C-alpha atoms as a PDB file:
ATOM      1  CA  MET A   1       0.000   0.000   0.000  1.00  0.00           C
ATOM      2  CA  SER A   2       1.372   3.391  -0.977  1.00  0.00           C
ATOM      3  CA  ASP A   3       1.511   6.293   1.426  1.00  0.00           C
ATOM      4  CA  GLY A   4       1.033   8.648  -1.493  1.00  0.00           C
ATOM      5  CA  VAL A   5       4.560  10.069  -1.335  1.00  0.00           C
ATOM      6  CA  GLY A   6       5.751  10.536  -4.868  1.00  0.00           C
ATOM      7  CA  ALA A   7       2.313   9.747  -6.226  1.00  0.00           C
ATOM      8  CA  GLY A   8       0.653  12.276  -8.481  1.00  0.00           C
ATOM      9  CA  VAL A   9      -2.426  14.198  -7.585  1.00  0.00           C
ATOM     10  CA  SER A  10      -5.487  12.042  -8.052  1.00  0.00           C
ATOM     11  CA  SER A  11      -7.793  13.422 -10.717  1.00  0.00           C
ATOM     12  CA  ARG A  12     -10.573  11.590  -8.927  1.00  0.00           C
ATOM     13  CA  MET A  13     -10.095  13.478  -5.707  1.00  0.00           C
ATOM     14  CA  LEU A  14      -7.970  16.550  -6.502  1.00  0.00           C
ATOM     15  CA  LEU A  15      -5.657  15.677  -3.577  1.00  0.00           C
ATOM     16  CA  ARG A  16      -3.267  12.931  -2.562  1.00  0.00           C
ATOM     17  CA  HIS A  17      -4.672  10.411  -0.100  1.00  0.00           C
ATOM     18  CA  GLY A  18      -2.481  11.716   2.735  1.00  0.00           C
ATOM     19  CA  LYS A  19      -3.775  15.239   2.216  1.00  0.00           C
ATOM     20  CA  VAL A  20      -7.369  13.971   2.167  1.00  0.00           C
ATOM     21  CA  ARG A  21      -6.698  12.350   5.563  1.00  0.00           C
ATOM     22  CA  GLU A  22      -5.250  15.639   6.866  1.00  0.00           C
ATOM     23  CA  VAL A  23      -8.271  17.596   5.656  1.00  0.00           C
ATOM     24  CA  ALA A  24     -10.645  15.013   7.161  1.00  0.00           C
ATOM     25  CA  HIS A  25      -8.816  15.204  10.497  1.00  0.00           C
ATOM     26  CA  ALA A  26      -8.939  19.024  10.492  1.00  0.00           C
ATOM     27  CA  ALA A  27     -12.640  18.955   9.612  1.00  0.00           C
ATOM     28  CA  ASP A  28     -13.303  16.500  12.452  1.00  0.00           C
ATOM     29  CA  ARG A  29     -11.228  18.533  14.897  1.00  0.00           C
ATOM     30  CA  THR A  30     -13.091  21.748  14.070  1.00  0.00           C
ATOM     31  CA  ASP A  31     -16.491  20.065  13.693  1.00  0.00           C
ATOM     32  CA  ALA A  32     -16.821  21.544  10.184  1.00  0.00           C
ATOM     33  CA  ASP A  33     -20.174  21.182   8.459  1.00  0.00           C
ATOM     34  CA  ALA A  34     -18.556  21.115   4.998  1.00  0.00           C
ATOM     35  CA  VAL A  35     -15.193  21.419   3.261  1.00  0.00           C
ATOM     36  CA  VAL A  36     -14.855  24.176   0.657  1.00  0.00           C
ATOM     37  CA  PHE A  37     -12.214  23.931  -2.067  1.00  0.00           C
ATOM     38  CA  THR A  38     -11.076  27.003  -3.997  1.00  0.00           C
ATOM     39  CA  ASN A  39     -10.835  24.834  -7.114  1.00  0.00           C
ATOM     40  CA  SER A  40     -13.920  23.768  -9.016  1.00  0.00           C
ATOM     41  CA  LEU A  41     -14.826  20.141  -8.373  1.00  0.00           C
ATOM     42  CA  THR A  42     -16.139  17.681 -10.898  1.00  0.00           C
ATOM     43  CA  GLU A  43     -19.204  15.725  -9.850  1.00  0.00           C
ATOM     44  CA  HIS A  44     -17.008  12.656  -9.342  1.00  0.00           C
ATOM     45  CA  GLN A  45     -14.529  14.605  -7.177  1.00  0.00           C
ATOM     46  CA  ARG A  46     -17.388  16.077  -5.156  1.00  0.00           C
ATOM     47  CA  LEU A  47     -18.932  12.649  -4.523  1.00  0.00           C
ATOM     48  CA  SER A  48     -15.608  10.946  -3.745  1.00  0.00           C
ATOM     49  CA  LEU A  49     -14.404  13.683  -1.413  1.00  0.00           C
ATOM     50  CA  THR A  50     -17.785  13.905   0.330  1.00  0.00           C
ATOM     51  CA  ALA A  51     -17.643  10.162   1.031  1.00  0.00           C
ATOM     52  CA  LEU A  52     -14.036  10.261   2.244  1.00  0.00           C
ATOM     53  CA  LEU A  53     -14.407  13.412   4.329  1.00  0.00           C
ATOM     54  CA  GLY A  54     -17.720  12.436   5.900  1.00  0.00           C
ATOM     55  CA  ARG A  55     -19.250  15.819   5.084  1.00  0.00           C
ATOM     56  CA  PRO A  56     -20.114  17.766   1.938  1.00  0.00           C
ATOM     57  CA  ALA A  57     -17.196  18.809  -0.259  1.00  0.00           C
ATOM     58  CA  VAL A  58     -17.941  21.803  -2.464  1.00  0.00           C
ATOM     59  CA  GLY A  59     -16.067  24.121  -4.775  1.00  0.00           C
ATOM     60  CA  LEU A  60     -16.022  27.838  -4.097  1.00  0.00           C
ATOM     61  CA  ALA A  61     -17.649  28.470  -7.475  1.00  0.00           C
ATOM     62  CA  ASP A  62     -20.589  26.312  -6.349  1.00  0.00           C
ATOM     63  CA  LEU A  63     -21.118  28.563  -3.348  1.00  0.00           C
ATOM     64  CA  LEU A  64     -20.821  31.715  -5.426  1.00  0.00           C
ATOM     65  CA  GLY A  65     -23.265  30.394  -7.996  1.00  0.00           C
ATOM     66  CA  SER A  66     -20.823  30.459 -10.877  1.00  0.00           C
ATOM     67  CA  GLY A  67     -20.066  26.735 -11.029  1.00  0.00           C
END
């Protein structure tokens, strides 16, 4: 099993697996209702990240109504 070091950014999730774990931990620690990414997310990225993070993952453009 890879720890993600040296692995490219996953087009499925926008982030490496280790970074997804870090974001999930920070979201848990702060009791975040959602995780907002400055990048636009594809539907697949949004669904995958939402499942992995345990809370909605959205792109900033989605919140601003331009996505």
